[in-house]
Each structure stands twice: as structure tokens, then as C-alpha cells.
PDB file of N, CA and C in Angstrom:
ATOM      1  N   MET A   1     -29.735 -73.330  -6.280  1.00  0.00           N
ATOM      2  CA  MET A   1     -30.736 -72.283  -6.420  1.00  0.00           C
ATOM      3  C   MET A   1     -30.790 -71.501  -5.111  1.00  0.00           C
ATOM      4  N   THR A   2     -30.764 -70.184  -5.218  1.00  0.00           N
ATOM      5  CA  THR A   2     -30.728 -69.351  -4.022  1.00  0.00           C
ATOM      6  C   THR A   2     -32.097 -69.143  -3.408  1.00  0.00           C
ATOM      7  N   ILE A   3     -33.079 -68.758  -4.220  1.00  0.00           N
ATOM      8  CA  ILE A   3     -34.386 -68.412  -3.637  1.00  0.00           C
ATOM      9  C   ILE A   3     -35.532 -68.894  -4.513  1.00  0.00           C
ATOM     10  N   SER A   4     -36.573 -69.344  -3.852  1.00  0.00           N
ATOM     11  CA  SER A   4     -37.827 -69.710  -4.515  1.00  0.00           C
ATOM     12  C   SER A   4     -38.910 -68.776  -4.000  1.00  0.00           C
ATOM     13  N   VAL A   5     -39.631 -68.164  -4.911  1.00  0.00           N
ATOM     14  CA  VAL A   5     -40.755 -67.302  -4.563  1.00  0.00           C
ATOM     15  C   VAL A   5     -42.027 -68.067  -4.901  1.00  0.00           C
ATOM     16  N   ILE A   6     -42.876 -68.253  -3.907  1.00  0.00           N
ATOM     17  CA  ILE A   6     -44.120 -69.005  -4.082  1.00  0.00           C
ATOM     18  C   ILE A   6     -45.289 -68.051  -3.933  1.00  0.00           C
ATOM     19  N   ILE A   7     -46.142 -68.046  -4.946  1.00  0.00           N
ATOM     20  CA  ILE A   7     -47.312 -67.157  -4.952  1.00  0.00           C
ATOM     21  C   ILE A   7     -48.549 -68.007  -5.179  1.00  0.00           C
ATOM     22  N   VAL A   8     -49.511 -67.899  -4.272  1.00  0.00           N
ATOM     23  CA  VAL A   8     -50.790 -68.588  -4.426  1.00  0.00           C
ATOM     24  C   VAL A   8     -51.786 -67.590  -5.011  1.00  0.00           C
ATOM     25  N   SER A   9     -52.501 -68.041  -6.030  1.00  0.00           N
ATOM     26  CA  SER A   9     -53.406 -67.154  -6.754  1.00  0.00           C
ATOM     27  C   SER A   9     -54.818 -67.731  -6.789  1.00  0.00           C
ATOM     28  N   TYR A  10     -55.790 -66.839  -6.655  1.00  0.00           N
ATOM     29  CA  TYR A  10     -57.176 -67.222  -6.862  1.00  0.00           C
ATOM     30  C   TYR A  10     -57.959 -65.997  -7.335  1.00  0.00           C
ATOM     31  N   ASN A  11     -58.290 -65.985  -8.614  1.00  0.00           N
ATOM     32  CA  ASN A  11     -59.101 -64.920  -9.226  1.00  0.00           C
ATOM     33  C   ASN A  11     -58.532 -63.517  -9.020  1.00  0.00           C
ATOM     34  N   VAL A  12     -57.214 -63.398  -9.183  1.00  0.00           N
ATOM     35  CA  VAL A  12     -56.564 -62.085  -9.073  1.00  0.00           C
ATOM     36  C   VAL A  12     -55.623 -61.864 -10.266  1.00  0.00           C
ATOM     37  N   ARG A  13     -56.097 -62.190 -11.452  1.00  0.00           N
ATOM     38  CA  ARG A  13     -55.256 -62.178 -12.646  1.00  0.00           C
ATOM     39  C   ARG A  13     -54.489 -60.876 -12.836  1.00  0.00           C
ATOM     40  N   TYR A  14     -55.145 -59.746 -12.703  1.00  0.00           N
ATOM     41  CA  TYR A  14     -54.483 -58.466 -12.970  1.00  0.00           C
ATOM     42  C   TYR A  14     -53.465 -58.125 -11.883  1.00  0.00           C
ATOM     43  N   PHE A  15     -53.805 -58.390 -10.625  1.00  0.00           N
ATOM     44  CA  PHE A  15     -52.842 -58.181  -9.548  1.00  0.00           C
ATOM     45  C   PHE A  15     -51.642 -59.109  -9.718  1.00  0.00           C
ATOM     46  N   LEU A  16     -51.923 -60.362 -10.048  1.00  0.00           N
ATOM     47  CA  LEU A  16     -50.859 -61.347 -10.209  1.00  0.00           C
ATOM     48  C   LEU A  16     -49.909 -60.948 -11.328  1.00  0.00           C
ATOM     49  N   ALA A  17     -50.419 -60.463 -12.438  1.00  0.00           N
ATOM     50  CA  ALA A  17     -49.565 -60.045 -13.554  1.00  0.00           C
ATOM     51  C   ALA A  17     -48.609 -58.935 -13.122  1.00  0.00           C
ATOM     52  N   GLN A  18     -49.120 -57.966 -12.382  1.00  0.00           N
ATOM     53  CA  GLN A  18     -48.264 -56.876 -11.895  1.00  0.00           C
ATOM     54  C   GLN A  18     -47.228 -57.399 -10.903  1.00  0.00           C
ATOM     55  N   CYS A  19     -47.648 -58.287 -10.031  1.00  0.00           N
ATOM     56  CA  CYS A  19     -46.744 -58.883  -9.055  1.00  0.00           C
ATOM     57  C   CYS A  19     -45.612 -59.634  -9.756  1.00  0.00           C
ATOM     58  N   LEU A  20     -45.962 -60.435 -10.755  1.00  0.00           N
ATOM     59  CA  LEU A  20     -44.955 -61.221 -11.464  1.00  0.00           C
ATOM     60  C   LEU A  20     -43.951 -60.337 -12.190  1.00  0.00           C
ATOM     61  N   CYS A  21     -44.419 -59.248 -12.766  1.00  0.00           N
ATOM     62  CA  CYS A  21     -43.498 -58.302 -13.418  1.00  0.00           C
ATOM     63  C   CYS A  21     -42.510 -57.743 -12.404  1.00  0.00           C
ATOM     64  N   ALA A  22     -43.008 -57.343 -11.242  1.00  0.00           N
ATOM     65  CA  ALA A  22     -42.141 -56.786 -10.202  1.00  0.00           C
ATOM     66  C   ALA A  22     -41.141 -57.819  -9.695  1.00  0.00           C
ATOM     67  N   VAL A  23     -41.601 -59.043  -9.479  1.00  0.00           N
ATOM     68  CA  VAL A  23     -40.712 -60.091  -8.971  1.00  0.00           C
ATOM     69  C   VAL A  23     -39.655 -60.441 -10.011  1.00  0.00           C
ATOM     70  N   GLN A  24     -40.037 -60.553 -11.266  1.00  0.00           N
ATOM     71  CA  GLN A  24     -39.059 -60.865 -12.304  1.00  0.00           C
ATOM     72  C   GLN A  24     -38.001 -59.776 -12.412  1.00  0.00           C
ATOM     73  N   THR A  25     -38.403 -58.532 -12.313  1.00  0.00           N
ATOM     74  CA  THR A  25     -37.442 -57.430 -12.365  1.00  0.00           C
ATOM     75  C   THR A  25     -36.476 -57.519 -11.188  1.00  0.00           C
ATOM     76  N   ALA A  26     -36.999 -57.763 -10.006  1.00  0.00           N
ATOM     77  CA  ALA A  26     -36.161 -57.841  -8.815  1.00  0.00           C
ATOM     78  C   ALA A  26     -35.268 -59.082  -8.814  1.00  0.00           C
ATOM     79  N   MET A  27     -35.644 -60.122  -9.545  1.00  0.00           N
ATOM     80  CA  MET A  27     -34.874 -61.366  -9.570  1.00  0.00           C
ATOM     81  C   MET A  27     -33.731 -61.336 -10.586  1.00  0.00           C
ATOM     82  N   GLN A  28     -33.624 -60.292 -11.376  1.00  0.00           N
ATOM     83  CA  GLN A  28     -32.550 -60.236 -12.370  1.00  0.00           C
ATOM     84  C   GLN A  28     -31.192 -60.339 -11.683  1.00  0.00           C
ATOM     85  N   GLY A  29     -30.374 -61.259 -12.160  1.00  0.00           N
ATOM     86  CA  GLY A  29     -29.056 -61.482 -11.590  1.00  0.00           C
ATOM     87  C   GLY A  29     -29.049 -62.380 -10.363  1.00  0.00           C
ATOM     88  N   ILE A  30     -30.208 -62.896  -9.980  1.00  0.00           N
ATOM     89  CA  ILE A  30     -30.335 -63.778  -8.818  1.00  0.00           C
ATOM     90  C   ILE A  30     -30.660 -65.185  -9.323  1.00  0.00           C
ATOM     91  N   ASN A  31     -30.025 -66.179  -8.754  1.00  0.00           N
ATOM     92  CA  ASN A  31     -30.346 -67.555  -9.102  1.00  0.00           C
ATOM     93  C   ASN A  31     -31.603 -67.954  -8.331  1.00  0.00           C
ATOM     94  N   GLY A  32     -32.738 -67.808  -8.969  1.00  0.00           N
ATOM     95  CA  GLY A  32     -33.981 -68.083  -8.282  1.00  0.00           C
ATOM     96  C   GLY A  32     -35.067 -68.561  -9.220  1.00  0.00           C
ATOM     97  N   GLU A  33     -36.202 -68.863  -8.620  1.00  0.00           N
ATOM     98  CA  GLU A  33     -37.352 -69.338  -9.378  1.00  0.00           C
ATOM     99  C   GLU A  33     -38.613 -68.728  -8.792  1.00  0.00           C
ATOM    100  N   ILE A  34     -39.630 -68.645  -9.642  1.00  0.00           N
ATOM    101  CA  ILE A  34     -40.952 -68.181  -9.230  1.00  0.00           C
ATOM    102  C   ILE A  34     -41.918 -69.322  -9.481  1.00  0.00           C
ATOM    103  N   ILE A  35     -42.699 -69.652  -8.467  1.00  0.00           N
ATOM    104  CA  ILE A  35     -43.689 -70.718  -8.573  1.00  0.00           C
ATOM    105  C   ILE A  35     -45.051 -70.108  -8.263  1.00  0.00           C
ATOM    106  N   VAL A  36     -45.987 -70.268  -9.193  1.00  0.00           N
ATOM    107  CA  VAL A  36     -47.357 -69.815  -8.969  1.00  0.00           C
ATOM    108  C   VAL A  36     -48.244 -71.042  -8.847  1.00  0.00           C
ATOM    109  N   VAL A  37     -48.988 -71.090  -7.749  1.00  0.00           N
ATOM    110  CA  VAL A  37     -49.984 -72.140  -7.554  1.00  0.00           C
ATOM    111  C   VAL A  37     -51.337 -71.470  -7.701  1.00  0.00           C
ATOM    112  N   ASP A  38     -52.040 -71.814  -8.774  1.00  0.00           N
ATOM    113  CA  ASP A  38     -53.361 -71.220  -8.995  1.00  0.00           C
ATOM    114  C   ASP A  38     -54.440 -72.174  -8.503  1.00  0.00           C
ATOM    115  N   ASN A  39     -55.292 -71.664  -7.626  1.00  0.00           N
ATOM    116  CA  ASN A  39     -56.337 -72.460  -6.980  1.00  0.00           C
ATOM    117  C   ASN A  39     -57.621 -72.501  -7.807  1.00  0.00           C
ATOM    118  N   ALA A  40     -57.510 -72.932  -9.054  1.00  0.00           N
ATOM    119  CA  ALA A  40     -58.672 -73.100  -9.940  1.00  0.00           C
ATOM    120  C   ALA A  40     -59.416 -71.790 -10.176  1.00  0.00           C
ATOM    121  N   SER A  41     -58.665 -70.742 -10.485  1.00  0.00           N
ATOM    122  CA  SER A  41     -59.278 -69.441 -10.778  1.00  0.00           C
ATOM    123  C   SER A  41     -60.228 -69.544 -11.961  1.00  0.00           C
ATOM    124  N   THR A  42     -61.250 -68.711 -11.936  1.00  0.00           N
ATOM    125  CA  THR A  42     -62.224 -68.661 -13.032  1.00  0.00           C
ATOM    126  C   THR A  42     -62.132 -67.351 -13.802  1.00  0.00           C
ATOM    127  N   ASP A  43     -61.076 -66.579 -13.557  1.00  0.00           N
ATOM    128  CA  ASP A  43     -60.926 -65.270 -14.202  1.00  0.00           C
ATOM    129  C   ASP A  43     -59.978 -65.284 -15.396  1.00  0.00           C
ATOM    130  N   GLY A  44     -59.586 -66.464 -15.858  1.00  0.00           N
ATOM    131  CA  GLY A  44     -58.698 -66.571 -17.005  1.00  0.00           C
ATOM    132  C   GLY A  44     -57.223 -66.611 -16.660  1.00  0.00           C
ATOM    133  N   THR A  45     -56.901 -66.660 -15.392  1.00  0.00           N
ATOM    134  CA  THR A  45     -55.499 -66.702 -14.976  1.00  0.00           C
ATOM    135  C   THR A  45     -54.751 -67.838 -15.669  1.00  0.00           C
ATOM    136  N   ALA A  46     -55.309 -69.030 -15.643  1.00  0.00           N
ATOM    137  CA  ALA A  46     -54.625 -70.219 -16.154  1.00  0.00           C
ATOM    138  C   ALA A  46     -54.419 -70.193 -17.666  1.00  0.00           C
ATOM    139  N   THR A  47     -55.246 -69.468 -18.389  1.00  0.00           N
ATOM    140  CA  THR A  47     -55.094 -69.430 -19.843  1.00  0.00           C
ATOM    141  C   THR A  47     -54.331 -68.198 -20.326  1.00  0.00           C
ATOM    142  N   HIS A  48     -54.456 -67.091 -19.632  1.00  0.00           N
ATOM    143  CA  HIS A  48     -53.846 -65.849 -20.099  1.00  0.00           C
ATOM    144  C   HIS A  48     -52.416 -65.623 -19.614  1.00  0.00           C
ATOM    145  N   LEU A  49     -52.118 -65.969 -18.378  1.00  0.00           N
ATOM    146  CA  LEU A  49     -50.816 -65.595 -17.817  1.00  0.00           C
ATOM    147  C   LEU A  49     -49.661 -66.543 -18.134  1.00  0.00           C
ATOM    148  N   PRO A  50     -49.821 -67.855 -18.119  1.00  0.00           N
ATOM    149  CA  PRO A  50     -48.660 -68.705 -18.414  1.00  0.00           C
ATOM    150  C   PRO A  50     -47.953 -68.392 -19.738  1.00  0.00           C
ATOM    151  N   PRO A  51     -48.664 -68.100 -20.819  1.00  0.00           N
ATOM    152  CA  PRO A  51     -47.930 -67.749 -22.040  1.00  0.00           C
ATOM    153  C   PRO A  51     -47.150 -66.427 -21.928  1.00  0.00           C
ATOM    154  N   LEU A  52     -47.625 -65.518 -21.075  1.00  0.00           N
ATOM    155  CA  LEU A  52     -46.934 -64.237 -20.894  1.00  0.00           C
ATOM    156  C   LEU A  52     -45.715 -64.365 -19.976  1.00  0.00           C
ATOM    157  N   PHE A  53     -45.693 -65.399 -19.157  1.00  0.00           N
ATOM    158  CA  PHE A  53     -44.613 -65.625 -18.201  1.00  0.00           C
ATOM    159  C   PHE A  53     -44.127 -67.073 -18.306  1.00  0.00           C
ATOM    160  N   PRO A  54     -43.471 -67.409 -19.430  1.00  0.00           N
ATOM    161  CA  PRO A  54     -43.117 -68.816 -19.684  1.00  0.00           C
ATOM    162  C   PRO A  54     -42.006 -69.368 -18.786  1.00  0.00           C
ATOM    163  N   THR A  55     -41.232 -68.516 -18.124  1.00  0.00           N
ATOM    164  CA  THR A  55     -40.143 -69.022 -17.284  1.00  0.00           C
ATOM    165  C   THR A  55     -40.602 -69.357 -15.865  1.00  0.00           C
ATOM    166  N   ILE A  56     -41.841 -69.043 -15.569  1.00  0.00           N
ATOM    167  CA  ILE A  56     -42.388 -69.305 -14.238  1.00  0.00           C
ATOM    168  C   ILE A  56     -42.921 -70.729 -14.180  1.00  0.00           C
ATOM    169  N   LYS A  57     -42.745 -71.377 -13.027  1.00  0.00           N
ATOM    170  CA  LYS A  57     -43.337 -72.697 -12.808  1.00  0.00           C
ATOM    171  C   LYS A  57     -44.795 -72.484 -12.429  1.00  0.00           C
ATOM    172  N   TRP A  58     -45.695 -73.047 -13.209  1.00  0.00           N
ATOM    173  CA  TRP A  58     -47.130 -72.929 -12.958  1.00  0.00           C
ATOM    174  C   TRP A  58     -47.665 -74.252 -12.451  1.00  0.00           C
ATOM    175  N   ILE A  59     -48.341 -74.205 -11.330  1.00  0.00           N
ATOM    176  CA  ILE A  59     -49.061 -75.365 -10.810  1.00  0.00           C
ATOM    177  C   ILE A  59     -50.532 -74.970 -10.836  1.00  0.00           C
ATOM    178  N   LEU A  60     -51.258 -75.548 -11.780  1.00  0.00           N
ATOM    179  CA  LEU A  60     -52.658 -75.184 -12.001  1.00  0.00           C
ATOM    180  C   LEU A  60     -53.548 -76.248 -11.372  1.00  0.00           C
ATOM    181  N   GLN A  61     -54.177 -75.888 -10.277  1.00  0.00           N
ATOM    182  CA  GLN A  61     -55.033 -76.806  -9.544  1.00  0.00           C
ATOM    183  C   GLN A  61     -56.392 -76.956 -10.238  1.00  0.00           C
ATOM    184  N   ASN A  62     -56.996 -78.121 -10.103  1.00  0.00           N
ATOM    185  CA  ASN A  62     -58.337 -78.369 -10.640  1.00  0.00           C
ATOM    186  C   ASN A  62     -59.433 -77.947  -9.681  1.00  0.00           C
ATOM    187  N   GLU A  63     -59.050 -77.741  -8.415  1.00  0.00           N
ATOM    188  CA  GLU A  63     -60.009 -77.298  -7.409  1.00  0.00           C
ATOM    189  C   GLU A  63     -59.302 -76.364  -6.433  1.00  0.00           C
ATOM    190  N   ASN A  64     -60.079 -75.566  -5.736  1.00  0.00           N
ATOM    191  CA  ASN A  64     -59.534 -74.676  -4.734  1.00  0.00           C
ATOM    192  C   ASN A  64     -59.427 -75.448  -3.420  1.00  0.00           C
ATOM    193  N   ALA A  65     -58.227 -75.915  -3.149  1.00  0.00           N
ATOM    194  CA  ALA A  65     -57.989 -76.707  -1.943  1.00  0.00           C
ATOM    195  C   ALA A  65     -57.654 -75.831  -0.739  1.00  0.00           C
ATOM    196  N   GLY A  66     -57.588 -74.539  -0.944  1.00  0.00           N
ATOM    197  CA  GLY A  66     -57.289 -73.618   0.144  1.00  0.00           C
ATOM    198  C   GLY A  66     -55.882 -73.067   0.080  1.00  0.00           C
ATOM    199  N   PHE A  67     -55.690 -71.974   0.787  1.00  0.00           N
ATOM    200  CA  PHE A  67     -54.435 -71.236   0.771  1.00  0.00           C
ATOM    201  C   PHE A  67     -53.271 -72.052   1.335  1.00  0.00           C
ATOM    202  N   ALA A  68     -53.456 -72.664   2.473  1.00  0.00           N
ATOM    203  CA  ALA A  68     -52.366 -73.408   3.117  1.00  0.00           C
ATOM    204  C   ALA A  68     -51.914 -74.596   2.265  1.00  0.00           C
ATOM    205  N   LYS A  69     -52.856 -75.362   1.752  1.00  0.00           N
ATOM    206  CA  LYS A  69     -52.497 -76.516   0.914  1.00  0.00           C
ATOM    207  C   LYS A  69     -51.793 -76.074  -0.361  1.00  0.00           C
ATOM    208  N   ALA A  70     -52.226 -74.963  -0.924  1.00  0.00           N
ATOM    209  CA  ALA A  70     -51.582 -74.451  -2.139  1.00  0.00           C
ATOM    210  C   ALA A  70     -50.140 -74.024  -1.841  1.00  0.00           C
ATOM    211  N   ASN A  71     -49.920 -73.371  -0.707  1.00  0.00           N
ATOM    212  CA  ASN A  71     -48.556 -72.999  -0.324  1.00  0.00           C
ATOM    213  C   ASN A  71     -47.695 -74.239  -0.138  1.00  0.00           C
ATOM    214  N   ASN A  72     -48.241 -75.267   0.492  1.00  0.00           N
ATOM    215  CA  ASN A  72     -47.490 -76.512   0.680  1.00  0.00           C
ATOM    216  C   ASN A  72     -47.168 -77.176  -0.653  1.00  0.00           C
ATOM    217  N   LYS A  73     -48.084 -77.095  -1.597  1.00  0.00           N
ATOM    218  CA  LYS A  73     -47.840 -77.665  -2.926  1.00  0.00           C
ATOM    219  C   LYS A  73     -46.689 -76.924  -3.611  1.00  0.00           C
ATOM    220  N   GLY A  74     -46.697 -75.596  -3.495  1.00  0.00           N
ATOM    221  CA  GLY A  74     -45.602 -74.813  -4.055  1.00  0.00           C
ATOM    222  C   GLY A  74     -44.277 -75.123  -3.380  1.00  0.00           C
ATOM    223  N   LEU A  75     -44.311 -75.319  -2.072  1.00  0.00           N
ATOM    224  CA  LEU A  75     -43.099 -75.624  -1.328  1.00  0.00           C
ATOM    225  C   LEU A  75     -42.480 -76.943  -1.768  1.00  0.00           C
ATOM    226  N   THR A  76     -43.311 -77.933  -2.068  1.00  0.00           N
ATOM    227  CA  THR A  76     -42.769 -79.226  -2.508  1.00  0.00           C
ATOM    228  C   THR A  76     -42.095 -79.120  -3.876  1.00  0.00           C
ATOM    229  N   ALA A  77     -42.483 -78.118  -4.670  1.00  0.00           N
ATOM    230  CA  ALA A  77     -41.876 -77.924  -5.988  1.00  0.00           C
ATOM    231  C   ALA A  77     -40.661 -77.007  -5.939  1.00  0.00           C
ATOM    232  N   ALA A  78     -40.407 -76.381  -4.803  1.00  0.00           N
ATOM    233  CA  ALA A  78     -39.351 -75.379  -4.680  1.00  0.00           C
ATOM    234  C   ALA A  78     -37.977 -76.016  -4.510  1.00  0.00           C
ATOM    235  N   ALA A  79     -36.972 -75.353  -5.081  1.00  0.00           N
ATOM    236  CA  ALA A  79     -35.597 -75.839  -5.001  1.00  0.00           C
ATOM    237  C   ALA A  79     -34.661 -74.846  -4.329  1.00  0.00           C
ATOM    238  N   GLY A  80     -35.166 -73.699  -3.914  1.00  0.00           N
ATOM    239  CA  GLY A  80     -34.311 -72.662  -3.357  1.00  0.00           C
ATOM    240  C   GLY A  80     -33.845 -72.937  -1.935  1.00  0.00           C
ATOM    241  N   ASN A  81     -32.686 -72.373  -1.599  1.00  0.00           N
ATOM    242  CA  ASN A  81     -32.189 -72.430  -0.222  1.00  0.00           C
ATOM    243  C   ASN A  81     -33.041 -71.555   0.687  1.00  0.00           C
ATOM    244  N   PHE A  82     -33.599 -70.490   0.118  1.00  0.00           N
ATOM    245  CA  PHE A  82     -34.507 -69.609   0.833  1.00  0.00           C
ATOM    246  C   PHE A  82     -35.861 -69.653   0.144  1.00  0.00           C
ATOM    247  N   ILE A  83     -36.918 -69.505   0.933  1.00  0.00           N
ATOM    248  CA  ILE A  83     -38.284 -69.522   0.411  1.00  0.00           C
ATOM    249  C   ILE A  83     -38.959 -68.208   0.783  1.00  0.00           C
ATOM    250  N   LEU A  84     -39.627 -67.599  -0.170  1.00  0.00           N
ATOM    251  CA  LEU A  84     -40.442 -66.415   0.097  1.00  0.00           C
ATOM    252  C   LEU A  84     -41.863 -66.716  -0.347  1.00  0.00           C
ATOM    253  N   PHE A  85     -42.786 -66.714   0.603  1.00  0.00           N
ATOM    254  CA  PHE A  85     -44.206 -66.826   0.289  1.00  0.00           C
ATOM    255  C   PHE A  85     -44.704 -65.407   0.085  1.00  0.00           C
ATOM    256  N   LEU A  86     -45.269 -65.135  -1.083  1.00  0.00           N
ATOM    257  CA  LEU A  86     -45.648 -63.781  -1.444  1.00  0.00           C
ATOM    258  C   LEU A  86     -47.098 -63.750  -1.898  1.00  0.00           C
ATOM    259  N   ASN A  87     -47.851 -62.796  -1.400  1.00  0.00           N
ATOM    260  CA  ASN A  87     -49.232 -62.629  -1.850  1.00  0.00           C
ATOM    261  C   ASN A  87     -49.247 -62.007  -3.242  1.00  0.00           C
ATOM    262  N   PRO A  88     -50.229 -62.348  -4.065  1.00  0.00           N
ATOM    263  CA  PRO A  88     -50.243 -61.880  -5.454  1.00  0.00           C
ATOM    264  C   PRO A  88     -50.561 -60.392  -5.616  1.00  0.00           C
ATOM    265  N   ASP A  89     -50.957 -59.715  -4.569  1.00  0.00           N
ATOM    266  CA  ASP A  89     -51.225 -58.280  -4.673  1.00  0.00           C
ATOM    267  C   ASP A  89     -50.054 -57.447  -4.152  1.00  0.00           C
ATOM    268  N   THR A  90     -48.871 -58.071  -4.095  1.00  0.00           N
ATOM    269  CA  THR A  90     -47.677 -57.410  -3.575  1.00  0.00           C
ATOM    270  C   THR A  90     -46.788 -56.929  -4.717  1.00  0.00           C
ATOM    271  N   LEU A  91     -46.311 -55.701  -4.594  1.00  0.00           N
ATOM    272  CA  LEU A  91     -45.320 -55.166  -5.519  1.00  0.00           C
ATOM    273  C   LEU A  91     -44.046 -54.929  -4.722  1.00  0.00           C
ATOM    274  N   ILE A  92     -42.972 -55.573  -5.130  1.00  0.00           N
ATOM    275  CA  ILE A  92     -41.714 -55.431  -4.403  1.00  0.00           C
ATOM    276  C   ILE A  92     -40.798 -54.467  -5.149  1.00  0.00           C
ATOM    277  N   PRO A  93     -39.897 -53.803  -4.415  1.00  0.00           N
ATOM    278  CA  PRO A  93     -38.962 -52.875  -5.052  1.00  0.00           C
ATOM    279  C   PRO A  93     -37.960 -53.602  -5.937  1.00  0.00           C
ATOM    280  N   GLU A  94     -37.385 -52.862  -6.846  1.00  0.00           N
ATOM    281  CA  GLU A  94     -36.472 -53.402  -7.858  1.00  0.00           C
ATOM    282  C   GLU A  94     -35.252 -54.103  -7.262  1.00  0.00           C
ATOM    283  N   HIS A  95     -34.727 -53.618  -6.144  1.00  0.00           N
ATOM    284  CA  HIS A  95     -33.509 -54.192  -5.547  1.00  0.00           C
ATOM    285  C   HIS A  95     -33.798 -55.055  -4.323  1.00  0.00           C
ATOM    286  N   PHE A  96     -35.034 -55.468  -4.175  1.00  0.00           N
ATOM    287  CA  PHE A  96     -35.463 -56.197  -2.981  1.00  0.00           C
ATOM    288  C   PHE A  96     -34.600 -57.429  -2.701  1.00  0.00           C
ATOM    289  N   PHE A  97     -34.468 -58.304  -3.674  1.00  0.00           N
ATOM    290  CA  PHE A  97     -33.758 -59.564  -3.445  1.00  0.00           C
ATOM    291  C   PHE A  97     -32.274 -59.339  -3.218  1.00  0.00           C
ATOM    292  N   LYS A  98     -31.654 -58.441  -3.952  1.00  0.00           N
ATOM    293  CA  LYS A  98     -30.233 -58.155  -3.750  1.00  0.00           C
ATOM    294  C   LYS A  98     -29.991 -57.637  -2.335  1.00  0.00           C
ATOM    295  N   GLU A  99     -30.869 -56.752  -1.866  1.00  0.00           N
ATOM    296  CA  GLU A  99     -30.692 -56.190  -0.531  1.00  0.00           C
ATOM    297  C   GLU A  99     -30.963 -57.219   0.564  1.00  0.00           C
ATOM    298  N   ILE A 100     -32.011 -57.988   0.412  1.00  0.00           N
ATOM    299  CA  ILE A 100     -32.340 -58.965   1.455  1.00  0.00           C
ATOM    300  C   ILE A 100     -31.300 -60.085   1.508  1.00  0.00           C
ATOM    301  N   LEU A 101     -30.792 -60.515   0.362  1.00  0.00           N
ATOM    302  CA  LEU A 101     -29.776 -61.561   0.352  1.00  0.00           C
ATOM    303  C   LEU A 101     -28.445 -61.031   0.896  1.00  0.00           C
ATOM    304  N   ALA A 102     -28.133 -59.785   0.618  1.00  0.00           N
ATOM    305  CA  ALA A 102     -26.922 -59.177   1.194  1.00  0.00           C
ATOM    306  C   ALA A 102     -27.044 -59.106   2.712  1.00  0.00           C
ATOM    307  N   PHE A 103     -28.199 -58.741   3.214  1.00  0.00           N
ATOM    308  CA  PHE A 103     -28.432 -58.690   4.649  1.00  0.00           C
ATOM    309  C   PHE A 103     -28.261 -60.074   5.277  1.00  0.00           C
ATOM    310  N   VAL A 104     -28.863 -61.076   4.663  1.00  0.00           N
ATOM    311  CA  VAL A 104     -28.775 -62.441   5.189  1.00  0.00           C
ATOM    312  C   VAL A 104     -27.325 -62.912   5.194  1.00  0.00           C
ATOM    313  N   ASN A 105     -26.591 -62.609   4.146  1.00  0.00           N
ATOM    314  CA  ASN A 105     -25.191 -63.041   4.074  1.00  0.00           C
ATOM    315  C   ASN A 105     -24.314 -62.336   5.112  1.00  0.00           C
ATOM    316  N   ARG A 106     -24.660 -61.107   5.478  1.00  0.00           N
ATOM    317  CA  ARG A 106     -23.909 -60.377   6.505  1.00  0.00           C
ATOM    318  C   ARG A 106     -24.167 -60.930   7.896  1.00  0.00           C
ATOM    319  N   HIS A 107     -25.335 -61.504   8.085  1.00  0.00           N
ATOM    320  CA  HIS A 107     -25.714 -61.966   9.419  1.00  0.00           C
ATOM    321  C   HIS A 107     -25.814 -63.478   9.428  1.00  0.00           C
TER     322      HIS A 107
END
């Protein structure tokens, strides 16, 4: 696996949905995975989004243990050679991963 994208979420369902769409588009043709760690959101994230994004690894916490612990939980589930920690309100360009991986391979 080339890259693991880890996103920690807490009550940002609409931002997260847009972020996941952008990441999935940018990941086309890349051997990678997306891991979402939800910190016990109360906005319906855990019930509404997993069915819309079935290829994503969902780690649904029962309590909000904090941002750092959630990132560490996602990291333990990651299999990629590279790790990208991404905030859920981020929209990445369509060719982001291809360009960044090409840069890394050149250097």
C-alpha cells in the first residue's frame, strides 16, 4: 500500500463528506486507503456517511478521546508506506496524490 490518509472527525459531517469526495477523486489510480476516526460525533456522521463511503475504513469511537489519540488510533490501522494526516475541512486538488508521489519518487 502506497499511502494512508487519516482523517479525524468530530461533528463536521458536511465538511467531511466533501473532503472524502475530494480525497477519493484524487486517490484514483493510487494504491491507498482512507481511514476516518470519528470522535463520537452527535451530528449523524456515524450513521449517514459510512453507507455513502463503503470503501473507507471507519473507526467509530464511543467517546471523544481527543484529536491526538484519534490520530494515533488511525495510525495503528494504517498500512501505507506514506501517511497523510488530513483535517476534515480540507479539499485537495484532483491530481494531488499523483503529483506529491511523483515529487517524492524524484527526490
